[in-house]
Amino acid sequence: MSFKDILRQQQSGMEALATTGVIGLHLVSGPLVGFALGYGLDYWLGTGPWGKLIFLMIGIAAGFLNVYRDTRHLLKKMAAEDARRKGLAAAADPVAQQTSETSSDARPEEHDARP
């Protein structure tokens, strides 16, 4: 294993750790921002607890939606890394798939010459 491989593996691990940290922040920040918006709206309009409750629920939903998206992205990244490690990089590499698609598109279409 070369030094570049070790650095690449450490970088991959740090990216996964950072994504995991962001997942935790999304879970907390959504409800906090929703509650703060509801509090401000209630203060401005004098509507009582309804703005806080509604925007808190919207914030919770937004937080869970962000967690779901981040988790899906992390799982896709981990699956691609596992496929690359196992030697299935040609099947899971989007760059290789894109170059094969563009090379097939570069060929002129064949048409039947009959009238």
C-alpha atoms as a PDB file:
ATOM      1  CA  MET A   1       0.000   0.000   0.000  1.00  0.00           C
ATOM      2  CA  SER A   2       1.500   3.310  -1.078  1.00  0.00           C
ATOM      3  CA  PHE A   3       1.420   6.586   0.768  1.00  0.00           C
ATOM      4  CA  LYS A   4      -1.152   7.988  -1.694  1.00  0.00           C
ATOM      5  CA  ASP A   5      -3.479   5.061  -0.953  1.00  0.00           C
ATOM      6  CA  ILE A   6      -3.199   5.708   2.775  1.00  0.00           C
ATOM      7  CA  LEU A   7      -3.946   9.412   2.307  1.00  0.00           C
ATOM      8  CA  ARG A   8      -6.897   8.609   0.039  1.00  0.00           C
ATOM      9  CA  GLN A   9      -8.301   6.193   2.618  1.00  0.00           C
ATOM     10  CA  GLN A  10      -7.911   8.747   5.415  1.00  0.00           C
ATOM     11  CA  GLN A  11      -9.572  11.421   3.312  1.00  0.00           C
ATOM     12  CA  SER A  12     -12.477   9.095   2.566  1.00  0.00           C
ATOM     13  CA  GLY A  13     -12.877   8.367   6.265  1.00  0.00           C
ATOM     14  CA  MET A  14     -12.800  12.050   7.167  1.00  0.00           C
ATOM     15  CA  GLU A  15     -15.438  12.826   4.517  1.00  0.00           C
ATOM     16  CA  ALA A  16     -17.708  10.140   5.968  1.00  0.00           C
ATOM     17  CA  LEU A  17     -17.127  11.514   9.464  1.00  0.00           C
ATOM     18  CA  ALA A  18     -17.938  15.051   8.300  1.00  0.00           C
ATOM     19  CA  THR A  19     -21.125  13.867   6.594  1.00  0.00           C
ATOM     20  CA  THR A  20     -22.150  12.074   9.775  1.00  0.00           C
ATOM     21  CA  GLY A  21     -21.572  15.259  11.782  1.00  0.00           C
ATOM     22  CA  VAL A  22     -23.691  17.248   9.359  1.00  0.00           C
ATOM     23  CA  ILE A  23     -26.488  14.717   9.783  1.00  0.00           C
ATOM     24  CA  GLY A  24     -26.556  15.467  13.509  1.00  0.00           C
ATOM     25  CA  LEU A  25     -26.562  19.205  12.889  1.00  0.00           C
ATOM     26  CA  HIS A  26     -29.473  18.906  10.451  1.00  0.00           C
ATOM     27  CA  LEU A  27     -31.469  16.965  13.007  1.00  0.00           C
ATOM     28  CA  VAL A  28     -31.053  19.751  15.566  1.00  0.00           C
ATOM     29  CA  SER A  29     -30.965  22.881  13.395  1.00  0.00           C
ATOM     30  CA  GLY A  30     -34.249  22.249  11.565  1.00  0.00           C
ATOM     31  CA  PRO A  31     -36.456  22.334  14.652  1.00  0.00           C
ATOM     32  CA  LEU A  32     -34.477  25.233  16.165  1.00  0.00           C
ATOM     33  CA  VAL A  33     -34.859  27.397  13.069  1.00  0.00           C
ATOM     34  CA  GLY A  34     -38.533  26.457  12.789  1.00  0.00           C
ATOM     35  CA  PHE A  35     -39.177  27.348  16.408  1.00  0.00           C
ATOM     36  CA  ALA A  36     -37.300  30.648  16.046  1.00  0.00           C
ATOM     37  CA  LEU A  37     -39.319  31.584  12.955  1.00  0.00           C
ATOM     38  CA  GLY A  38     -42.549  30.675  14.717  1.00  0.00           C
ATOM     39  CA  TYR A  39     -41.557  32.662  17.781  1.00  0.00           C
ATOM     40  CA  GLY A  40     -40.821  35.718  15.663  1.00  0.00           C
ATOM     41  CA  LEU A  41     -44.065  35.351  13.760  1.00  0.00           C
ATOM     42  CA  ASP A  42     -46.048  34.956  16.989  1.00  0.00           C
ATOM     43  CA  TYR A  43     -44.376  38.040  18.463  1.00  0.00           C
ATOM     44  CA  TRP A  44     -45.074  40.088  15.333  1.00  0.00           C
ATOM     45  CA  LEU A  45     -48.680  38.964  14.815  1.00  0.00           C
ATOM     46  CA  GLY A  46     -49.613  38.192  18.433  1.00  0.00           C
ATOM     47  CA  THR A  47     -51.030  34.786  17.519  1.00  0.00           C
ATOM     48  CA  GLY A  48     -49.997  32.903  20.636  1.00  0.00           C
ATOM     49  CA  PRO A  49     -48.409  29.470  20.428  1.00  0.00           C
ATOM     50  CA  TRP A  50     -49.740  28.560  16.984  1.00  0.00           C
ATOM     51  CA  GLY A  51     -46.854  29.926  14.933  1.00  0.00           C
ATOM     52  CA  LYS A  52     -44.330  28.223  17.207  1.00  0.00           C
ATOM     53  CA  LEU A  53     -46.132  24.896  16.968  1.00  0.00           C
ATOM     54  CA  ILE A  54     -46.647  24.982  13.210  1.00  0.00           C
ATOM     55  CA  PHE A  55     -43.116  26.100  12.383  1.00  0.00           C
ATOM     56  CA  LEU A  56     -41.648  23.657  14.904  1.00  0.00           C
ATOM     57  CA  MET A  57     -43.422  20.815  13.097  1.00  0.00           C
ATOM     58  CA  ILE A  58     -42.207  22.133   9.731  1.00  0.00           C
ATOM     59  CA  GLY A  59     -38.667  22.358  11.162  1.00  0.00           C
ATOM     60  CA  ILE A  60     -38.825  18.783  12.451  1.00  0.00           C
ATOM     61  CA  ALA A  61     -40.019  17.563   9.062  1.00  0.00           C
ATOM     62  CA  ALA A  62     -37.272  19.534   7.297  1.00  0.00           C
ATOM     63  CA  GLY A  63     -34.644  18.148   9.675  1.00  0.00           C
ATOM     64  CA  PHE A  64     -35.706  14.559   9.075  1.00  0.00           C
ATOM     65  CA  LEU A  65     -35.856  15.152   5.318  1.00  0.00           C
ATOM     66  CA  ASN A  66     -32.291  16.476   5.362  1.00  0.00           C
ATOM     67  CA  VAL A  67     -31.152  13.509   7.457  1.00  0.00           C
ATOM     68  CA  TYR A  68     -32.788  11.137   4.969  1.00  0.00           C
ATOM     69  CA  ARG A  69     -31.100  12.831   1.998  1.00  0.00           C
ATOM     70  CA  ASP A  70     -27.685  12.914   3.670  1.00  0.00           C
ATOM     71  CA  THR A  71     -27.951   9.273   4.705  1.00  0.00           C
ATOM     72  CA  ARG A  72     -28.914   8.225   1.183  1.00  0.00           C
ATOM     73  CA  HIS A  73     -25.949  10.167  -0.216  1.00  0.00           C
ATOM     74  CA  LEU A  74     -23.581   8.613   2.319  1.00  0.00           C
ATOM     75  CA  LEU A  75     -24.826   5.093   1.577  1.00  0.00           C
ATOM     76  CA  LYS A  76     -24.405   5.614  -2.180  1.00  0.00           C
ATOM     77  CA  LYS A  77     -20.886   6.893  -1.622  1.00  0.00           C
ATOM     78  CA  MET A  78     -20.043   3.901   0.593  1.00  0.00           C
ATOM     79  CA  ALA A  79     -21.458   1.452  -1.963  1.00  0.00           C
ATOM     80  CA  ALA A  80     -19.401   3.053  -4.737  1.00  0.00           C
ATOM     81  CA  GLU A  81     -16.284   2.864  -2.569  1.00  0.00           C
ATOM     82  CA  ASP A  82     -16.931  -0.808  -1.784  1.00  0.00           C
ATOM     83  CA  ALA A  83     -17.488  -1.559  -5.461  1.00  0.00           C
ATOM     84  CA  ARG A  84     -14.256   0.230  -6.343  1.00  0.00           C
ATOM     85  CA  ARG A  85     -12.394  -1.677  -3.670  1.00  0.00           C
ATOM     86  CA  LYS A  86     -13.745  -5.030  -4.891  1.00  0.00           C
ATOM     87  CA  GLY A  87     -12.745  -4.312  -8.470  1.00  0.00           C
ATOM     88  CA  LEU A  88     -16.191  -3.544  -9.809  1.00  0.00           C
ATOM     89  CA  ALA A  89     -15.216   0.036 -10.561  1.00  0.00           C
ATOM     90  CA  ALA A  90     -16.225  -0.191 -14.215  1.00  0.00           C
ATOM     91  CA  ALA A  91     -19.815  -0.990 -13.245  1.00  0.00           C
ATOM     92  CA  ALA A  92     -20.063   1.590 -10.460  1.00  0.00           C
ATOM     93  CA  ASP A  93     -17.865   4.382 -11.863  1.00  0.00           C
ATOM     94  CA  PRO A  94     -20.092   7.180 -13.205  1.00  0.00           C
ATOM     95  CA  VAL A  95     -17.211   8.694 -15.185  1.00  0.00           C
ATOM     96  CA  ALA A  96     -16.668   5.440 -17.055  1.00  0.00           C
ATOM     97  CA  GLN A  97     -20.387   5.175 -17.766  1.00  0.00           C
ATOM     98  CA  GLN A  98     -20.497   8.757 -19.004  1.00  0.00           C
ATOM     99  CA  THR A  99     -17.580   8.250 -21.399  1.00  0.00           C
ATOM    100  CA  SER A 100     -19.160   5.094 -22.794  1.00  0.00           C
ATOM    101  CA  GLU A 101     -22.439   6.953 -23.331  1.00  0.00           C
ATOM    102  CA  THR A 102     -20.758   9.842 -25.082  1.00  0.00           C
ATOM    103  CA  SER A 103     -18.735   7.534 -27.295  1.00  0.00           C
ATOM    104  CA  SER A 104     -21.905   5.752 -28.427  1.00  0.00           C
ATOM    105  CA  ASP A 105     -23.568   9.129 -29.043  1.00  0.00           C
ATOM    106  CA  ALA A 106     -20.616  10.309 -31.096  1.00  0.00           C
ATOM    107  CA  ARG A 107     -21.229   7.669 -33.769  1.00  0.00           C
ATOM    108  CA  PRO A 108     -23.452   8.836 -36.616  1.00  0.00           C
ATOM    109  CA  GLU A 109     -26.845   7.244 -36.765  1.00  0.00           C
ATOM    110  CA  GLU A 110     -27.228   4.527 -39.327  1.00  0.00           C
ATOM    111  CA  HIS A 111     -30.257   4.931 -41.550  1.00  0.00           C
ATOM    112  CA  ASP A 112     -31.697   2.601 -44.091  1.00  0.00           C
ATOM    113  CA  ALA A 113     -30.762   3.845 -47.542  1.00  0.00           C
ATOM    114  CA  ARG A 114     -33.824   2.330 -49.206  1.00  0.00           C
ATOM    115  CA  PRO A 115     -36.459   4.763 -50.490  1.00  0.00           C
END
